[in-house]
Protein backbone atom coordinates (compact mmCIF):
# COMPACT_ATOMS: atom_id res chain seq x y z
CA MET A 1 24.90 14.37 3.87
CA ARG A 2 23.62 10.89 4.24
CA ARG A 3 23.82 8.24 1.57
CA ILE A 4 21.11 7.89 -1.07
CA LEU A 5 18.74 4.95 -0.92
CA GLY A 6 16.72 3.53 -3.82
CA TYR A 7 13.72 1.32 -4.22
CA ILE A 8 11.08 0.31 -6.76
CA ASN A 9 7.48 1.35 -6.29
CA ILE A 10 5.82 -2.05 -6.77
CA LEU A 11 2.38 -0.61 -7.52
CA THR A 12 3.52 1.55 -10.43
CA LEU A 13 6.85 -0.09 -11.31
CA ILE A 14 8.38 3.38 -11.45
CA PRO A 15 11.89 3.72 -10.00
CA VAL A 16 11.87 6.13 -7.07
CA VAL A 17 14.85 7.72 -5.34
CA LEU A 18 14.65 8.35 -1.61
CA TYR A 19 17.00 10.78 0.10
CA ALA A 20 17.92 10.47 3.76
CA TYR A 21 17.81 14.11 4.82
CA PRO A 22 20.15 15.74 7.35
CA GLU A 23 19.38 15.27 11.02
CA GLY A 24 16.23 17.13 12.06
CA TRP A 25 14.66 17.68 8.63
CA SER A 26 11.42 15.98 7.61
CA ASP A 27 10.53 14.39 4.29
CA ASP A 28 9.08 16.56 1.52
CA GLU A 29 5.30 16.94 1.60
CA LEU A 30 3.04 17.85 -1.33
CA LEU A 31 0.67 20.71 -0.44
CA THR A 32 -1.18 20.88 -3.77
CA PRO A 33 -2.69 17.50 -4.68
CA GLU A 34 -5.90 19.08 -6.01
CA THR A 35 -5.26 22.36 -7.87
CA PRO A 36 -4.45 21.93 -11.58
CA GLY A 37 -1.72 23.44 -13.74
CA TYR A 38 1.19 25.54 -12.58
CA ARG A 39 1.33 26.44 -8.89
CA LEU A 40 3.94 29.09 -8.33
CA ASP A 41 5.21 31.89 -6.12
CA PRO A 42 4.51 30.48 -2.63
CA ASP A 43 4.92 32.37 0.63
CA ILE A 44 4.76 31.27 4.27
CA SER A 45 4.03 32.74 7.70
CA VAL A 46 3.31 31.38 11.20
CA ASP A 47 0.86 32.35 13.96
CA SER A 48 1.19 32.39 17.75
CA TYR A 49 -0.24 28.86 17.94
CA LYS A 50 2.76 27.67 15.88
CA ASN A 51 0.49 26.92 12.93
CA VAL A 52 1.80 27.46 9.41
CA TRP A 53 0.01 29.44 6.68
CA VAL A 54 1.05 28.96 3.05
CA VAL A 55 -0.25 30.83 -0.01
CA TRP A 56 0.45 30.48 -3.74
CA ASP A 57 -0.84 31.45 -7.17
CA SER A 58 -2.38 28.91 -9.54
CA ASN A 59 -1.21 30.64 -12.73
CA PHE A 60 1.73 32.99 -12.55
CA TRP A 61 1.89 35.89 -15.07
CA GLY A 62 -1.70 35.40 -16.13
CA SER A 63 -5.25 34.93 -14.97
CA GLY A 64 -5.45 32.62 -12.02
CA TYR A 65 -6.55 32.14 -8.45
CA ILE A 66 -4.95 32.55 -5.03
CA TYR A 67 -4.88 29.46 -2.79
CA TYR A 68 -3.99 28.97 0.85
CA THR A 69 -3.56 26.13 3.34
CA LYS A 70 -3.03 25.88 7.10
CA ARG A 71 -0.85 23.27 8.80
CA ASP A 72 0.12 22.63 12.39
CA SER A 73 3.74 22.82 13.55
CA LEU A 74 4.33 19.20 12.51
CA GLY A 75 2.89 19.71 9.03
CA ASN A 76 -0.48 18.06 9.69
CA CYS A 77 -3.29 19.55 7.61
CA ILE A 78 -5.76 21.85 9.42
CA ILE A 79 -7.18 23.62 6.35
CA PRO A 80 -6.61 21.88 2.99
CA GLU A 81 -5.77 23.86 -0.12
CA THR A 82 -8.53 26.44 -0.45
CA MET A 83 -9.18 29.02 -3.16
CA LEU A 84 -9.82 32.66 -2.29
CA PRO A 85 -13.09 33.75 -3.93
CA ASP A 86 -12.20 36.01 -6.86
CA PRO A 87 -14.75 36.17 -9.70
CA MET A 88 -12.29 38.11 -11.88
CA HIS A 89 -9.58 35.41 -11.41
CA THR A 90 -7.01 37.96 -12.52
CA SER A 91 -4.16 37.30 -10.11
CA GLY A 92 -0.81 38.31 -11.50
CA GLY A 93 1.30 36.38 -9.02
CA TYR A 94 3.79 37.44 -6.33
CA THR A 95 1.56 36.10 -3.56
CA LYS A 96 2.50 37.17 -0.03
CA VAL A 97 1.17 36.28 3.44
CA CYS A 98 1.74 37.74 6.91
CA VAL A 99 0.10 36.89 10.26
CA ASP A 100 -0.32 39.83 12.65
CA ASN A 101 -0.06 39.83 16.45
CA SER A 102 -3.79 39.05 16.73
CA ASP A 103 -3.35 35.95 14.54
CA ASN A 104 -5.27 37.40 11.62
CA VAL A 105 -3.94 36.40 8.20
CA HIS A 106 -3.20 39.03 5.55
CA ILE A 107 -2.76 37.94 1.93
CA GLN A 108 -1.56 40.14 -0.94
CA TRP A 109 -0.80 39.58 -4.59
CA SER A 110 -0.25 41.42 -7.85
CA GLU A 111 -3.66 42.37 -9.28
CA PRO A 112 -4.11 43.84 -12.81
CA SER A 113 -6.06 47.10 -13.01
CA THR A 114 -7.00 49.55 -15.76
CA THR A 115 -3.95 51.64 -14.83
CA GLY A 116 -1.43 48.82 -14.61
CA LYS A 117 -0.79 46.10 -12.09
CA GLY A 118 -1.72 47.01 -8.54
CA ILE A 119 -2.01 45.28 -5.17
CA GLY A 120 -4.77 42.78 -4.34
CA TYR A 121 -5.64 42.16 -0.69
CA ALA A 122 -7.72 39.79 1.48
CA LYS A 123 -7.89 39.08 5.21
CA LEU A 124 -8.74 35.85 7.01
CA ASN A 125 -9.30 35.11 10.67
CA ASN A 126 -7.32 32.31 12.26
CA SER A 127 -9.99 29.76 11.38
CA GLY A 128 -9.68 30.62 7.69
CA ALA A 129 -12.95 32.55 7.45
CA ILE A 130 -12.81 35.60 5.21
CA VAL A 131 -12.88 38.87 7.14
CA VAL A 132 -12.08 41.19 4.22
CA THR A 133 -13.09 39.94 0.78
CA PRO A 134 -10.44 39.92 -1.97
CA HIS A 135 -10.27 43.29 -3.72
CA LEU A 136 -7.96 45.70 -5.50
CA ALA A 137 -6.43 47.63 -2.61
CA MET A 138 -4.13 49.84 -4.69
CA PRO A 139 -4.31 50.35 -8.47
CA GLY A 140 -1.24 50.57 -10.67
CA TYR A 141 0.48 53.73 -11.81
CA GLY A 142 -0.29 54.05 -15.51
CA GLY A 143 2.05 51.35 -16.79
CA GLY A 144 1.65 47.66 -17.32
CA SER A 145 5.03 46.29 -18.28
CA SER A 146 6.49 46.35 -14.77
CA CYS A 147 7.01 43.01 -13.09
CA ASN A 148 5.25 44.60 -10.06
CA ARG A 149 7.26 42.53 -7.61
CA HIS A 150 6.36 43.46 -4.05
CA GLU A 151 7.15 42.52 -0.45
CA ILE A 152 5.18 43.25 2.71
CA ALA A 153 5.94 43.80 6.40
CA ILE A 154 3.41 44.12 9.23
CA ASP A 155 4.37 46.60 11.94
CA LYS A 156 3.43 46.58 15.63
CA TYR A 157 0.24 48.54 14.85
CA LYS A 158 -0.94 45.78 12.46
CA ASN A 159 -0.52 48.10 9.50
CA ILE A 160 0.62 46.50 6.26
CA ASN A 161 3.66 48.14 4.71
CA VAL A 162 4.14 47.40 1.03
CA VAL A 163 7.17 48.12 -1.14
CA TRP A 164 6.71 47.45 -4.85
CA ASP A 165 8.17 48.26 -8.21
CA GLU A 166 5.89 49.65 -10.87
CA SER A 167 6.26 51.13 -14.31
CA PRO A 168 4.95 54.64 -14.96
CA MET A 169 5.69 56.30 -18.30
CA GLU A 170 9.28 57.35 -17.59
CA THR A 171 10.92 54.27 -15.99
CA ASN A 172 10.55 51.63 -13.29
CA GLN A 173 10.29 53.06 -9.79
CA ILE A 174 10.13 51.79 -6.20
CA SER A 175 6.92 52.82 -4.45
CA TYR A 176 5.76 52.52 -0.85
CA THR A 177 2.13 52.01 0.22
CA LYS A 178 0.62 51.53 3.66
CA LEU A 179 -2.68 49.76 4.36
CA ASP A 180 -4.50 49.34 7.65
CA SER A 181 -5.52 45.95 9.04
CA LEU A 182 -8.64 45.94 6.84
CA GLY A 183 -6.71 46.64 3.66
CA ASP A 184 -7.85 50.28 3.46
CA THR A 185 -5.31 52.81 2.29
CA ILE A 186 -3.45 54.90 4.86
CA ILE A 187 -0.65 56.08 2.55
CA ALA A 188 -1.58 55.72 -1.11
CA ARG A 189 1.78 55.93 -2.85
CA ILE A 190 5.16 57.43 -2.07
CA ARG A 191 7.89 57.32 -4.65
CA VAL A 192 11.02 56.05 -2.92
CA SER A 193 13.48 55.95 -5.83
CA PRO A 194 14.43 59.15 -7.70
CA ILE A 195 12.88 60.04 -11.06
CA GLY A 196 14.91 58.65 -13.94
CA LEU A 197 16.66 55.94 -11.89
CA TYR A 198 15.65 52.46 -13.04
CA SER A 199 14.67 50.63 -9.84
CA ILE A 200 13.23 47.12 -9.35
CA TRP A 201 13.04 44.03 -7.09
CA PRO A 202 12.58 45.44 -3.57
CA GLY A 203 12.53 44.01 -0.05
CA ILE A 204 11.23 45.53 3.21
CA GLY A 205 11.53 45.05 6.97
CA ALA A 206 9.79 46.92 9.79
CA ASP A 207 11.59 47.62 13.08
CA SER A 208 10.11 47.91 16.58
CA SER A 209 9.51 51.66 16.09
CA ALA A 210 7.46 50.97 12.94
CA ASN A 211 10.15 52.42 10.69
CA ASN A 212 10.49 50.69 7.34
CA HIS A 213 13.82 49.63 5.90
CA MET A 214 13.95 48.96 2.17
CA GLY A 215 16.47 47.53 -0.23
CA TYR A 216 16.22 47.26 -4.01
CA ARG A 217 18.20 47.13 -7.22
CA THR A 218 18.95 50.36 -9.11
CA ASP A 219 20.66 50.83 -12.46
CA THR A 220 22.54 54.00 -13.40
CA ALA A 221 24.26 55.01 -16.62
CA THR A 222 27.54 53.62 -15.28
CA MET A 223 26.53 50.82 -12.89
CA ALA A 224 23.91 48.07 -13.02
CA ASP A 225 22.61 45.89 -10.19
CA ARG A 226 23.39 48.40 -7.45
CA LEU A 227 21.98 47.40 -4.04
CA THR A 228 20.30 50.53 -2.66
CA TYR A 229 18.86 51.29 0.79
CA SER A 230 16.15 53.70 1.97
CA LYS A 231 14.45 54.23 5.32
CA LEU A 232 10.96 55.63 5.93
CA ASP A 233 9.32 56.44 9.24
CA SER A 234 5.82 55.27 10.21
CA ASN A 235 4.26 58.29 8.46
CA GLY A 236 6.05 57.65 5.20
CA ASN A 237 8.66 60.39 5.61
CA ILE A 238 11.93 59.44 3.93
CA LEU A 239 14.69 59.45 6.56
CA VAL A 240 17.47 57.88 4.49
CA SER A 241 17.24 58.17 0.72
CA ASN A 242 18.81 55.83 -1.84
CA LYS A 243 22.06 54.94 -0.10
CA PRO A 244 24.21 52.62 -2.29
CA LEU A 245 25.52 49.51 -0.50
CA GLY A 246 27.33 47.74 -3.33
CA ILE A 247 26.22 45.24 -5.96
CA GLY A 248 23.09 43.24 -5.20
CA LEU A 249 19.39 42.60 -5.75
CA LEU A 250 16.35 40.71 -4.38
CA PRO A 251 17.02 41.46 -0.68
CA THR A 252 15.24 40.00 2.34
CA ILE A 253 15.41 42.40 5.31
CA ILE A 254 14.97 41.74 9.05
CA SER A 255 15.38 44.09 12.02
CA ASP A 256 16.65 42.52 15.25
CA ARG A 257 15.94 43.42 18.89
CA THR A 258 18.66 46.10 18.89
CA GLN A 259 17.20 47.63 15.70
CA ASN A 260 20.14 46.60 13.57
CA ILE A 261 19.26 45.52 10.04
CA HIS A 262 20.16 42.19 8.45
CA MET A 263 20.02 41.58 4.70
CA VAL A 264 20.51 38.54 2.51
CA TYR A 265 20.55 39.18 -1.21
CA LEU A 266 21.77 37.96 -4.58
CA LYS A 267 25.04 39.40 -5.83
CA PRO A 268 25.67 38.94 -9.57
CA THR A 269 29.28 38.63 -10.74
CA PRO A 270 30.71 38.01 -14.23
CA SER A 271 31.08 34.29 -13.50
CA ARG A 272 28.23 33.44 -11.11
CA ASN A 273 25.49 34.61 -8.75
CA ASP A 274 26.40 34.63 -5.05
CA VAL A 275 24.09 34.71 -2.03
CA CYS A 276 25.48 37.29 0.40
CA TYR A 277 24.82 38.70 3.87
CA LEU A 278 25.11 42.31 5.06
CA LYS A 279 24.49 43.97 8.44
CA LEU A 280 23.53 47.64 8.85
CA ASP A 281 22.75 49.91 11.75
CA ASN A 282 19.33 51.56 12.00
CA ASN A 283 20.36 54.31 9.58
CA GLY A 284 21.80 52.10 6.88
CA ASN A 285 25.47 52.35 7.85
CA ILE A 286 27.38 49.12 7.25
CA LEU A 287 28.30 47.22 10.45
CA VAL A 288 29.32 43.91 8.86
CA PRO A 289 30.53 44.09 5.24
CA SER A 290 29.17 41.76 2.61
CA LYS A 291 29.83 38.06 3.28
CA GLN A 292 29.33 35.33 0.71
CA LEU A 293 27.11 32.49 1.94
CA SER A 294 26.74 30.34 -1.17
CA LEU A 295 29.24 27.71 -2.26
CA THR A 296 31.50 28.82 -5.10
CA GLN A 297 31.18 25.59 -7.10
CA TYR A 298 27.53 26.41 -7.81
CA ILE A 299 27.25 29.33 -10.20
CA HIS A 300 23.49 29.83 -10.48
CA ASN A 301 22.19 30.72 -7.03
CA ASN A 302 18.72 32.28 -6.86
CA SER A 303 15.98 33.70 -4.64
CA PRO A 304 17.55 34.03 -1.16
CA HIS A 305 15.10 34.29 1.74
CA MET A 306 15.61 34.58 5.51
CA ALA A 307 13.82 34.27 8.86
CA MET A 308 14.96 35.03 12.43
CA ASP A 309 14.19 32.85 15.44
CA SER A 310 13.52 33.93 19.03
CA LEU A 311 17.20 33.59 19.91
CA GLN A 312 18.21 35.99 17.12
CA TYR A 313 19.70 33.35 14.84
CA LEU A 314 19.17 33.84 11.12
CA HIS A 315 17.96 31.01 8.89
CA VAL A 316 18.69 31.48 5.19
CA VAL A 317 17.49 29.43 2.21
CA TRP A 318 18.07 29.73 -1.52
CA ASP A 319 17.89 27.56 -4.60
CA MET A 320 20.46 26.69 -7.24
CA ASP A 321 20.00 26.02 -10.93
CA SER A 322 22.08 22.87 -11.27
CA ALA A 323 21.68 21.08 -14.62
CA GLY A 324 18.03 22.11 -14.87
CA THR A 325 17.16 21.19 -11.28
CA PHE A 326 16.89 23.43 -8.25
CA PRO A 327 18.29 21.90 -5.06
CA ILE A 328 17.40 23.99 -1.99
CA MET A 329 20.25 25.17 0.25
CA TYR A 330 20.04 26.14 3.94
CA THR A 331 22.39 27.78 6.41
CA LYS A 332 22.14 29.17 9.94
CA LEU A 333 23.95 32.39 10.96
CA ASP A 334 24.55 34.42 14.08
CA THR A 335 23.91 38.18 14.04
CA LEU A 336 27.43 38.84 12.75
CA GLY A 337 26.87 36.67 9.71
CA ASN A 338 29.05 33.83 11.01
CA PHE A 339 28.04 30.28 10.16
CA VAL A 340 26.42 28.34 12.99
CA ILE A 341 25.45 25.64 10.50
CA PRO A 342 27.36 25.77 7.19
CA PRO A 343 25.41 25.65 3.90
CA MET A 344 23.88 22.26 3.17
CA GLN A 345 21.28 20.83 0.82
CA VAL A 346 17.88 20.13 2.35
CA VAL A 347 15.97 19.48 -0.89
CA TYR A 348 17.81 17.41 -3.45
CA PRO A 349 17.81 17.11 -7.24
CA PRO A 350 16.25 15.67 -9.31
CA TYR A 351 13.22 16.53 -7.16
CA THR A 352 12.92 20.18 -8.22
CA PRO A 353 12.96 20.52 -12.04
CA GLY A 354 11.44 23.84 -13.00
CA GLY A 355 11.17 24.76 -9.33
CA GLY A 356 12.80 26.88 -6.68
CA GLY A 357 11.59 30.05 -4.99
CA ALA A 358 12.22 28.77 -1.46
CA ARG A 359 10.66 30.67 1.47
CA ILE A 360 11.26 29.98 5.16
CA ALA A 361 9.51 30.82 8.45
CA VAL A 362 10.24 30.05 12.13
CA ASP A 363 7.53 29.36 14.71
CA LEU A 364 7.55 30.18 18.43
CA SER A 365 9.20 26.84 19.22
CA ASN A 366 11.97 27.79 16.78
CA ARG A 367 10.93 25.00 14.42
CA LEU A 368 11.73 25.77 10.78
CA HIS A 369 9.15 25.64 7.99
CA LEU A 370 10.13 25.64 4.32
CA VAL A 371 8.05 25.85 1.11
CA TRP A 372 9.11 25.89 -2.53
CA VAL A 373 7.97 25.28 -6.11
CA ASP A 374 8.65 21.75 -7.33
CA GLY A 375 8.18 19.99 -10.67
CA ARG A 376 8.70 16.38 -9.63
CA VAL A 377 5.05 15.25 -9.96
CA ASN A 378 4.72 16.01 -13.67
CA PRO A 379 8.08 17.37 -14.94
CA GLY A 380 7.80 19.93 -17.69
CA VAL A 381 3.99 19.97 -17.54
CA THR A 382 2.96 21.23 -14.09
CA THR A 383 4.55 22.50 -10.90
CA ASP A 384 3.45 22.04 -7.31
CA ILE A 385 4.06 23.54 -3.88
CA PHE A 386 6.02 21.38 -1.45
CA TYR A 387 6.68 21.78 2.28
CA LYS A 388 9.08 20.41 4.87
CA ARG A 389 10.05 21.27 8.44
CA GLY A 390 13.33 21.36 10.32
CA GLU A 391 14.04 21.03 14.02
CA ASN A 392 16.56 23.91 14.12
CA GLU A 393 19.45 21.58 15.02
CA PRO A 394 18.77 21.06 18.76
CA GLY A 395 21.64 22.06 20.98
CA ILE A 396 23.35 24.97 19.28
CA GLU A 397 20.55 27.52 19.51
CA GLU A 398 20.00 26.87 23.22
CA ILE A 399 23.45 28.06 24.35
CA HIS A 400 23.33 30.40 27.31
CA GLU A 401 25.72 31.57 30.00
CA THR A 402 25.26 30.81 33.70
CA THR A 403 27.11 32.13 36.73
CA TYR A 404 29.10 29.87 39.04
CA GLU A 405 26.44 30.02 41.75
CA THR A 406 23.75 28.63 39.45
CA THR A 407 25.94 26.25 37.45
CA ARG A 408 24.64 22.72 37.20
CA LEU A 409 27.01 21.62 34.46
CA ILE A 410 30.83 21.71 34.73
CA VAL A 411 33.30 20.58 32.05
CA PHE A 412 36.92 20.27 33.22
CA PRO A 413 39.60 20.57 31.97
CA ASN A 414 38.54 23.02 29.31
CA PRO A 415 40.33 23.29 26.90
CA PHE A 416 41.46 19.65 26.92
CA LYS A 417 43.68 17.36 24.85
CA GLN A 418 42.99 13.72 25.68
CA ALA A 419 39.83 13.69 27.79
CA THR A 420 37.54 15.92 29.80
CA THR A 421 35.19 15.25 32.71
CA ILE A 422 31.56 16.26 32.37
CA ARG A 423 30.20 16.82 35.85
CA TYR A 424 26.66 17.81 36.71
CA LEU A 425 24.78 18.56 39.90
CA ILE A 426 21.01 18.79 40.33
CA LEU A 427 20.58 21.71 42.75
CA ASP A 428 16.81 22.10 42.65
CA SER A 429 14.12 19.43 42.83
CA ARG A 430 12.22 21.23 40.05
CA TYR A 431 14.91 19.97 37.71
CA LEU A 432 15.14 16.49 39.21
CA ILE A 433 14.65 13.61 36.80
CA GLN A 434 15.70 9.99 37.12
CA HIS A 435 17.47 9.83 33.77
CA PRO A 436 19.27 13.01 32.69
CA LYS A 437 21.07 12.75 29.37
CA ILE A 438 24.24 14.31 28.04
CA TYR A 439 24.73 15.11 24.37
CA ILE A 440 27.84 16.36 22.57
CA TYR A 441 27.48 18.38 19.35
CA ASP A 442 30.11 19.73 16.99
CA ALA A 443 30.16 23.35 15.82
CA THR A 444 27.79 22.61 12.92
CA GLY A 445 25.10 21.24 15.23
CA CYS A 446 25.67 17.56 14.39
CA LEU A 447 25.36 15.08 17.24
CA VAL A 448 28.73 13.45 17.97
CA LYS A 449 28.02 11.30 21.02
CA SER A 450 25.53 10.92 23.87
CA PHE A 451 25.64 9.50 27.39
CA ASN A 452 22.90 8.03 29.56
CA PRO A 453 24.29 8.40 33.09
CA GLU A 454 22.96 6.58 36.09
CA SER A 455 20.02 8.20 37.84
CA SER A 456 20.85 11.36 39.77
CA GLN A 457 19.46 12.63 43.05
CA GLU A 458 19.13 16.19 44.25
CA ASN A 459 22.44 17.71 45.46
CA GLN A 460 24.33 14.58 44.39
CA GLU A 461 27.17 15.13 41.92
CA SER A 462 27.54 12.80 38.94
CA GLU A 463 30.05 12.69 36.09
CA VAL A 464 31.01 11.04 32.81
CA LEU A 465 34.30 11.09 30.88
CA TRP A 466 34.55 12.07 27.20
CA ASP A 467 37.72 11.08 25.41
CA GLY A 468 37.06 13.05 22.24
CA ARG A 469 35.68 10.08 20.29
CA ASP A 470 32.35 9.73 18.49
CA TYR A 471 29.78 6.93 18.24
CA ALA A 472 32.04 4.97 15.88
CA ASP A 473 34.94 5.27 18.34
CA LYS A 474 36.78 7.53 15.91
CA GLN A 475 38.85 10.39 17.21
CA ARG A 476 37.20 13.73 16.48
CA PRO A 477 39.29 16.64 15.16
CA ALA A 478 40.36 19.52 17.37
CA GLY A 479 37.88 22.36 17.58
CA VAL A 480 34.81 23.72 19.38
CA TYR A 481 32.18 21.33 20.76
CA PHE A 482 29.05 21.80 22.85
CA VAL A 483 28.12 19.65 25.86
CA GLN A 484 24.40 19.62 26.58
CA LEU A 485 22.76 18.46 29.82
CA ARG A 486 19.11 17.69 29.13
CA THR A 487 16.40 16.68 31.59
CA LYS A 488 12.65 16.58 31.17
CA ASN A 489 12.20 20.30 31.75
CA TYR A 490 15.68 21.82 31.75
CA THR A 491 18.55 22.20 29.30
CA GLU A 492 22.02 23.66 29.85
CA ILE A 493 24.96 23.84 27.45
CA LYS A 494 28.67 24.46 27.88
CA LYS A 495 31.18 25.17 25.16
CA VAL A 496 34.31 23.02 25.28
CA ILE A 497 37.46 23.27 23.18
CA MET A 498 39.47 20.20 22.18
CA LEU A 499 43.13 20.89 21.39
CA GLU A 500 45.39 18.96 19.06
């Protein structure tokens, strides 16, 4: 982390604290300067143009309105905060947004009905015009006390798969509903959890075969907070039913290119709440056992959320209740749950009193986009929605292997003790540039040192020497480093190991 800077706002004479964020992360940006009161429960999605769509509710747990905004990939406003037309203004929160593969925007929320809380739905085109007016897409199931928390996943057919908890007369249950791309019902309601088993707080992910993978909390007579998994096919047939995975709740679920399933979730223990990672195969069998991601010195971790980039790296965020504030944590994982970037704060206290609920998305340039609830503007009175972006730590995510015949970057010796030679050769005029640059990153993605070699010509070999020292001429510790050759339109990376 960088040091904290302070200054006095001369116009208001109010002391303000500025935080120098980690490399690649932008400043915090207020998305809700206009809407009054409490703004809560944000969600975020991206389209194929790398634009960002954010939704939220203006009054959680009561009557309120749904708002949305559209930003470009650098956070510049395209559509300012805009209210969905809803004459009943009866939103019950849990706002969700997904963009389909035609760049249409699907928005859902918890909507009260005469038979308990159901699912509200609206559809926008990519310009923000309403295609399907807000309406009650699915009524509740006879109860009203359920929190009606729900998550959505859009499959390759643009169908909207919804998993939600609701409260019929006997006990809370997990239900599954499928809507088409106009919000019309395809599958009205399938009970996923067994009768009599108290089940709440679900997550869902759709794989490339349009199967749906679900996780949720179940309580039995002998065990509470049991993380449970079910799988349904595209027709709603239950393929795997209520498989226990351990202790956990509030999962986010993503299927990768090989149809393996990745989960991040909250694991309660007697002394603290931990954010954990779990990997399953396509039938819910555990491939990578539970791994703790959160730092043990913080005991109140909350609301984990995850996104996957085009290179199959996982980006996880969560918030912590630390002395009444909610700093936002971030980490980057590979598909085995190993840290590529260890957990670090990207939103600092005291900027988030009464806040939290972080949600993250990744655009097609692998830029990160983060939203959360924040109480800094009027602490204790109102909350707002804030946004920031991250550059996905350039260098680490671009690692790829090349064969000897196509190698343009050579690092030798490797491993090394005292120094290594970084040699590069421009073999093709398409990659020719007068000023190639060389960057060295450590295993967490932090830039250690850079070189600006003399101009290089095609088929002419050039080299620089790295002695294991950083910008401050301090000796770096032994370990794994990454050497990056970057030109205007080409990047190559080699892993190098420094020995003691």
